[in-house]
Amino acid sequence: MLGIIGIIVIFVMVFGGYIEAGGKMEIILEALPHEMIVIGGATVGSFLIGNSMSTVKQTAKDLGKVFK
């Protein structure tokens, strides 16, 4: 539960600050699918390169605990 609250706080602060600074959400929403592919792919690839298979498997198992 605390993990979900933390994620919500992050999104509210980042996007709230962006809007407060005069940013336009239309730009973010238009670029979002492409940016998620680039950033997500780089993140997963870097994680796979930098960790052993046992760490990757354990992380996959533990990922669900973030949302409990």
N, C-alpha and C. Protein backbone atom coordinates (compact mmCIF):
# COMPACT_ATOMS: atom_id res chain seq x y z
N MET A 1 0.83 -1.20 0.00
CA MET A 1 0.00 0.00 0.00
C MET A 1 0.87 1.26 0.00
N LEU A 2 1.91 1.24 0.81
CA LEU A 2 2.79 2.40 0.89
C LEU A 2 3.49 2.65 -0.45
N GLY A 3 3.79 1.56 -1.16
CA GLY A 3 4.41 1.69 -2.48
C GLY A 3 3.51 2.43 -3.46
N ILE A 4 2.22 2.10 -3.44
CA ILE A 4 1.27 2.75 -4.34
C ILE A 4 1.15 4.23 -3.99
N ILE A 5 1.08 4.54 -2.71
CA ILE A 5 1.01 5.94 -2.28
C ILE A 5 2.26 6.69 -2.73
N GLY A 6 3.41 6.06 -2.60
CA GLY A 6 4.66 6.69 -3.04
C GLY A 6 4.66 6.98 -4.52
N ILE A 7 4.19 6.04 -5.32
CA ILE A 7 4.13 6.23 -6.77
C ILE A 7 3.17 7.38 -7.12
N ILE A 8 2.04 7.45 -6.44
CA ILE A 8 1.08 8.54 -6.68
C ILE A 8 1.71 9.88 -6.33
N VAL A 9 2.40 9.95 -5.20
CA VAL A 9 3.07 11.20 -4.79
C VAL A 9 4.08 11.63 -5.85
N ILE A 10 4.86 10.68 -6.34
CA ILE A 10 5.86 11.00 -7.37
C ILE A 10 5.18 11.61 -8.60
N PHE A 11 4.15 10.96 -9.11
CA PHE A 11 3.47 11.46 -10.31
C PHE A 11 2.85 12.83 -10.08
N VAL A 12 2.20 13.02 -8.93
CA VAL A 12 1.57 14.31 -8.64
C VAL A 12 2.63 15.41 -8.56
N MET A 13 3.74 15.15 -7.90
CA MET A 13 4.78 16.16 -7.76
C MET A 13 5.46 16.48 -9.09
N VAL A 14 5.80 15.46 -9.85
CA VAL A 14 6.50 15.68 -11.12
C VAL A 14 5.60 16.42 -12.11
N PHE A 15 4.40 15.89 -12.34
CA PHE A 15 3.53 16.52 -13.32
C PHE A 15 2.90 17.81 -12.80
N GLY A 16 2.64 17.88 -11.50
CA GLY A 16 2.15 19.13 -10.92
C GLY A 16 3.18 20.24 -11.04
N GLY A 17 4.44 19.92 -10.77
CA GLY A 17 5.51 20.90 -10.93
C GLY A 17 5.67 21.33 -12.38
N TYR A 18 5.54 20.39 -13.29
CA TYR A 18 5.64 20.69 -14.72
C TYR A 18 4.54 21.65 -15.15
N ILE A 19 3.31 21.38 -14.73
CA ILE A 19 2.18 22.24 -15.08
C ILE A 19 2.33 23.60 -14.41
N GLU A 20 2.74 23.61 -13.15
CA GLU A 20 2.94 24.86 -12.41
C GLU A 20 3.98 25.75 -13.08
N ALA A 21 4.98 25.14 -13.70
CA ALA A 21 6.03 25.89 -14.38
C ALA A 21 5.61 26.35 -15.77
N GLY A 22 4.38 26.04 -16.16
CA GLY A 22 3.87 26.49 -17.45
C GLY A 22 3.90 25.44 -18.54
N GLY A 23 4.23 24.20 -18.17
CA GLY A 23 4.28 23.13 -19.16
C GLY A 23 2.90 22.73 -19.64
N LYS A 24 2.83 22.25 -20.84
CA LYS A 24 1.56 21.84 -21.44
C LYS A 24 1.48 20.31 -21.48
N MET A 25 0.46 19.76 -20.83
CA MET A 25 0.31 18.31 -20.74
C MET A 25 0.07 17.65 -22.10
N GLU A 26 -0.45 18.40 -23.07
CA GLU A 26 -0.68 17.83 -24.39
C GLU A 26 0.62 17.30 -24.99
N ILE A 27 1.70 18.05 -24.77
CA ILE A 27 3.01 17.64 -25.28
C ILE A 27 3.44 16.33 -24.64
N ILE A 28 3.27 16.23 -23.33
CA ILE A 28 3.65 15.01 -22.60
C ILE A 28 2.82 13.82 -23.07
N LEU A 29 1.52 14.02 -23.16
CA LEU A 29 0.63 12.91 -23.55
C LEU A 29 0.88 12.44 -24.97
N GLU A 30 1.26 13.37 -25.86
CA GLU A 30 1.55 12.99 -27.24
C GLU A 30 2.83 12.16 -27.34
N ALA A 31 3.83 12.52 -26.55
CA ALA A 31 5.13 11.84 -26.60
C ALA A 31 5.18 10.60 -25.71
N LEU A 32 4.23 10.44 -24.82
CA LEU A 32 4.29 9.40 -23.79
C LEU A 32 4.53 7.98 -24.32
N PRO A 33 3.79 7.51 -25.31
CA PRO A 33 4.02 6.12 -25.75
C PRO A 33 5.45 5.89 -26.25
N HIS A 34 5.97 6.83 -27.00
CA HIS A 34 7.31 6.69 -27.55
C HIS A 34 8.37 6.78 -26.45
N GLU A 35 8.17 7.71 -25.54
CA GLU A 35 9.12 7.89 -24.44
C GLU A 35 9.12 6.67 -23.52
N MET A 36 7.95 6.08 -23.29
CA MET A 36 7.88 4.89 -22.43
C MET A 36 8.65 3.73 -23.05
N ILE A 37 8.57 3.59 -24.37
CA ILE A 37 9.32 2.53 -25.05
C ILE A 37 10.81 2.75 -24.89
N VAL A 38 11.26 3.98 -25.14
CA VAL A 38 12.69 4.30 -25.06
C VAL A 38 13.21 4.15 -23.63
N ILE A 39 12.55 4.81 -22.69
CA ILE A 39 13.02 4.79 -21.30
C ILE A 39 12.85 3.40 -20.69
N GLY A 40 11.70 2.78 -20.91
CA GLY A 40 11.46 1.44 -20.38
C GLY A 40 12.42 0.41 -20.95
N GLY A 41 12.65 0.46 -22.25
CA GLY A 41 13.58 -0.47 -22.88
C GLY A 41 14.99 -0.30 -22.38
N ALA A 42 15.43 0.95 -22.24
CA ALA A 42 16.78 1.21 -21.73
C ALA A 42 16.91 0.75 -20.28
N THR A 43 15.86 0.94 -19.50
CA THR A 43 15.89 0.52 -18.10
C THR A 43 15.98 -1.00 -17.98
N VAL A 44 15.11 -1.70 -18.68
CA VAL A 44 15.11 -3.16 -18.61
C VAL A 44 16.41 -3.73 -19.15
N GLY A 45 16.87 -3.20 -20.28
CA GLY A 45 18.13 -3.67 -20.86
C GLY A 45 19.31 -3.47 -19.92
N SER A 46 19.39 -2.29 -19.32
CA SER A 46 20.47 -2.01 -18.37
C SER A 46 20.40 -2.92 -17.15
N PHE A 47 19.19 -3.15 -16.68
CA PHE A 47 19.02 -4.04 -15.53
C PHE A 47 19.48 -5.46 -15.87
N LEU A 48 19.11 -5.94 -17.05
CA LEU A 48 19.51 -7.29 -17.45
C LEU A 48 21.03 -7.40 -17.63
N ILE A 49 21.66 -6.38 -18.20
CA ILE A 49 23.11 -6.39 -18.39
C ILE A 49 23.83 -6.35 -17.05
N GLY A 50 23.32 -5.57 -16.11
CA GLY A 50 24.03 -5.31 -14.86
C GLY A 50 23.80 -6.31 -13.75
N ASN A 51 22.94 -7.30 -13.95
CA ASN A 51 22.61 -8.22 -12.86
C ASN A 51 22.67 -9.67 -13.33
N SER A 52 22.86 -10.55 -12.35
CA SER A 52 22.88 -11.98 -12.65
C SER A 52 21.45 -12.48 -12.85
N MET A 53 21.33 -13.66 -13.44
CA MET A 53 20.00 -14.23 -13.70
C MET A 53 19.26 -14.48 -12.39
N SER A 54 19.96 -14.88 -11.34
CA SER A 54 19.28 -15.12 -10.06
C SER A 54 18.71 -13.82 -9.50
N THR A 55 19.42 -12.72 -9.67
CA THR A 55 18.92 -11.42 -9.22
C THR A 55 17.70 -11.01 -10.04
N VAL A 56 17.74 -11.23 -11.34
CA VAL A 56 16.62 -10.89 -12.21
C VAL A 56 15.38 -11.69 -11.81
N LYS A 57 15.55 -12.99 -11.57
CA LYS A 57 14.43 -13.84 -11.17
C LYS A 57 13.87 -13.41 -9.82
N GLN A 58 14.75 -13.11 -8.86
CA GLN A 58 14.30 -12.69 -7.53
C GLN A 58 13.56 -11.35 -7.61
N THR A 59 14.06 -10.46 -8.43
CA THR A 59 13.40 -9.16 -8.60
C THR A 59 12.01 -9.34 -9.19
N ALA A 60 11.88 -10.22 -10.18
CA ALA A 60 10.57 -10.49 -10.78
C ALA A 60 9.60 -11.03 -9.73
N LYS A 61 10.09 -11.89 -8.85
CA LYS A 61 9.24 -12.44 -7.79
C LYS A 61 8.85 -11.36 -6.79
N ASP A 62 9.80 -10.48 -6.46
CA ASP A 62 9.57 -9.47 -5.42
C ASP A 62 8.83 -8.24 -5.91
N LEU A 63 8.72 -8.06 -7.21
CA LEU A 63 8.08 -6.87 -7.75
C LEU A 63 6.64 -6.72 -7.28
N GLY A 64 5.95 -7.82 -7.14
CA GLY A 64 4.57 -7.78 -6.66
C GLY A 64 4.44 -7.28 -5.24
N LYS A 65 5.48 -7.42 -4.44
CA LYS A 65 5.44 -6.96 -3.05
C LYS A 65 5.33 -5.45 -2.95
N VAL A 66 5.76 -4.74 -3.97
CA VAL A 66 5.69 -3.28 -3.96
C VAL A 66 4.24 -2.82 -3.88
N PHE A 67 3.34 -3.57 -4.47
CA PHE A 67 1.95 -3.17 -4.55
C PHE A 67 1.06 -3.80 -3.48
N LYS A 68 1.65 -4.46 -2.50
CA LYS A 68 0.85 -5.05 -1.41
C LYS A 68 0.76 -4.11 -0.25
